[in-house]
Amino acid sequence: MLVIDPEECIDCTLCEPECPVEAICSEDEIPEGQEEFLELNAELSQNWPVITEAKDAPVDADDWREVKDKLQYLEK
């Protein structure tokens, strides 16, 4: 999981097509029931490291691609 700092985001939308699981959307297009992720992004972006270069996906990324309700596994 990656988060986007809402204070740093300039709404350029370049990240949206790069997300392999289509989990990124503009603030104006948040799907119903996903509003809690706005606050979660703001919270986690203050503590998680900033990614400054492209990295390979985690080895288990494909295992998680279709898993629903992953938020229960988030360790803050």
C-alpha atoms as a PDB file:
ATOM      1  CA  MET A   1       0.000   0.000   0.000  1.00  0.00           C
ATOM      2  CA  LEU A   2       1.153   3.490  -0.811  1.00  0.00           C
ATOM      3  CA  VAL A   3      -0.322   6.751   0.395  1.00  0.00           C
ATOM      4  CA  ILE A   4      -0.392  10.197  -1.143  1.00  0.00           C
ATOM      5  CA  ASP A   5       0.164  13.265   1.008  1.00  0.00           C
ATOM      6  CA  PRO A   6      -2.825  15.509   0.285  1.00  0.00           C
ATOM      7  CA  GLU A   7      -0.740  18.570   1.171  1.00  0.00           C
ATOM      8  CA  GLU A   8       1.876  17.687  -1.459  1.00  0.00           C
ATOM      9  CA  CYS A   9      -0.446  16.420  -4.197  1.00  0.00           C
ATOM     10  CA  ILE A  10      -0.917  18.923  -7.017  1.00  0.00           C
ATOM     11  CA  ASP A  11      -3.795  17.019  -8.623  1.00  0.00           C
ATOM     12  CA  CYS A  12      -1.857  16.328 -11.812  1.00  0.00           C
ATOM     13  CA  THR A  13      -3.455  12.824 -12.079  1.00  0.00           C
ATOM     14  CA  LEU A  14      -0.214  11.266 -13.358  1.00  0.00           C
ATOM     15  CA  CYS A  15      -0.294   8.648 -10.594  1.00  0.00           C
ATOM     16  CA  GLU A  16      -3.780   7.373 -11.474  1.00  0.00           C
ATOM     17  CA  PRO A  17      -2.849   5.384 -14.611  1.00  0.00           C
ATOM     18  CA  GLU A  18       0.333   4.117 -12.919  1.00  0.00           C
ATOM     19  CA  CYS A  19      -1.538   2.307 -10.135  1.00  0.00           C
ATOM     20  CA  PRO A  20      -1.701  -1.383 -11.120  1.00  0.00           C
ATOM     21  CA  VAL A  21      -4.883  -1.994  -9.118  1.00  0.00           C
ATOM     22  CA  GLU A  22      -6.710   1.229 -10.023  1.00  0.00           C
ATOM     23  CA  ALA A  23      -6.802   2.308  -6.357  1.00  0.00           C
ATOM     24  CA  ILE A  24      -6.011   5.970  -7.048  1.00  0.00           C
ATOM     25  CA  CYS A  25      -8.697   8.426  -8.017  1.00  0.00           C
ATOM     26  CA  SER A  26      -9.147  12.169  -7.789  1.00  0.00           C
ATOM     27  CA  GLU A  27     -10.714  13.591  -4.665  1.00  0.00           C
ATOM     28  CA  ASP A  28     -13.786  14.511  -6.702  1.00  0.00           C
ATOM     29  CA  GLU A  29     -14.281  10.912  -7.887  1.00  0.00           C
ATOM     30  CA  ILE A  30     -13.918   8.894  -4.672  1.00  0.00           C
ATOM     31  CA  PRO A  31     -16.200   5.850  -4.870  1.00  0.00           C
ATOM     32  CA  GLU A  32     -18.989   5.666  -2.337  1.00  0.00           C
ATOM     33  CA  GLY A  33     -17.796   4.000   0.862  1.00  0.00           C
ATOM     34  CA  GLN A  34     -14.142   4.901   0.258  1.00  0.00           C
ATOM     35  CA  GLU A  35     -14.195   8.356   1.865  1.00  0.00           C
ATOM     36  CA  GLU A  36     -12.317   7.136   4.950  1.00  0.00           C
ATOM     37  CA  PHE A  37      -9.195   6.759   2.829  1.00  0.00           C
ATOM     38  CA  LEU A  38      -8.830  10.542   2.516  1.00  0.00           C
ATOM     39  CA  GLU A  39      -8.187  10.810   6.247  1.00  0.00           C
ATOM     40  CA  LEU A  40      -6.054   7.653   6.261  1.00  0.00           C
ATOM     41  CA  ASN A  41      -3.836   9.042   3.483  1.00  0.00           C
ATOM     42  CA  ALA A  42      -3.369  12.292   5.400  1.00  0.00           C
ATOM     43  CA  GLU A  43      -2.480  10.410   8.593  1.00  0.00           C
ATOM     44  CA  LEU A  44      -0.126   7.807   7.131  1.00  0.00           C
ATOM     45  CA  SER A  45       1.663  10.198   4.774  1.00  0.00           C
ATOM     46  CA  GLN A  46       3.015  12.040   7.817  1.00  0.00           C
ATOM     47  CA  ASN A  47       4.806   8.918   9.079  1.00  0.00           C
ATOM     48  CA  TRP A  48       5.624   6.803   6.037  1.00  0.00           C
ATOM     49  CA  PRO A  49       8.752   7.497   3.967  1.00  0.00           C
ATOM     50  CA  VAL A  50       8.565   9.505   0.776  1.00  0.00           C
ATOM     51  CA  ILE A  51       9.311   7.443  -2.328  1.00  0.00           C
ATOM     52  CA  THR A  52      11.668   9.305  -4.621  1.00  0.00           C
ATOM     53  CA  GLU A  53      12.467   6.631  -7.195  1.00  0.00           C
ATOM     54  CA  ALA A  54      10.674   3.732  -8.854  1.00  0.00           C
ATOM     55  CA  LYS A  55      10.948   0.392  -7.095  1.00  0.00           C
ATOM     56  CA  ASP A  56       9.894  -3.132  -7.957  1.00  0.00           C
ATOM     57  CA  ALA A  57       6.539  -4.271  -6.626  1.00  0.00           C
ATOM     58  CA  PRO A  58       6.626  -6.478  -3.520  1.00  0.00           C
ATOM     59  CA  VAL A  59       7.045 -10.174  -4.343  1.00  0.00           C
ATOM     60  CA  ASP A  60       3.541 -10.922  -3.013  1.00  0.00           C
ATOM     61  CA  ALA A  61       1.801  -8.062  -4.861  1.00  0.00           C
ATOM     62  CA  ASP A  62      -0.136 -10.388  -7.161  1.00  0.00           C
ATOM     63  CA  ASP A  63      -1.347 -12.418  -4.157  1.00  0.00           C
ATOM     64  CA  TRP A  64      -3.019  -9.266  -2.795  1.00  0.00           C
ATOM     65  CA  ARG A  65      -4.369  -7.860  -6.066  1.00  0.00           C
ATOM     66  CA  GLU A  66      -7.877  -9.351  -5.766  1.00  0.00           C
ATOM     67  CA  VAL A  67      -8.167  -9.422  -1.955  1.00  0.00           C
ATOM     68  CA  LYS A  68     -11.078  -7.290  -0.718  1.00  0.00           C
ATOM     69  CA  ASP A  69     -11.252  -5.469   2.633  1.00  0.00           C
ATOM     70  CA  LYS A  70      -7.470  -5.304   3.067  1.00  0.00           C
ATOM     71  CA  LEU A  71      -7.732  -2.454   5.542  1.00  0.00           C
ATOM     72  CA  GLN A  72      -8.094  -4.988   8.365  1.00  0.00           C
ATOM     73  CA  TYR A  73      -4.489  -6.050   7.727  1.00  0.00           C
ATOM     74  CA  LEU A  74      -3.013  -2.550   7.908  1.00  0.00           C
ATOM     75  CA  GLU A  75      -0.450  -2.132  10.656  1.00  0.00           C
ATOM     76  CA  LYS A  76       0.029   1.509  11.609  1.00  0.00           C
END
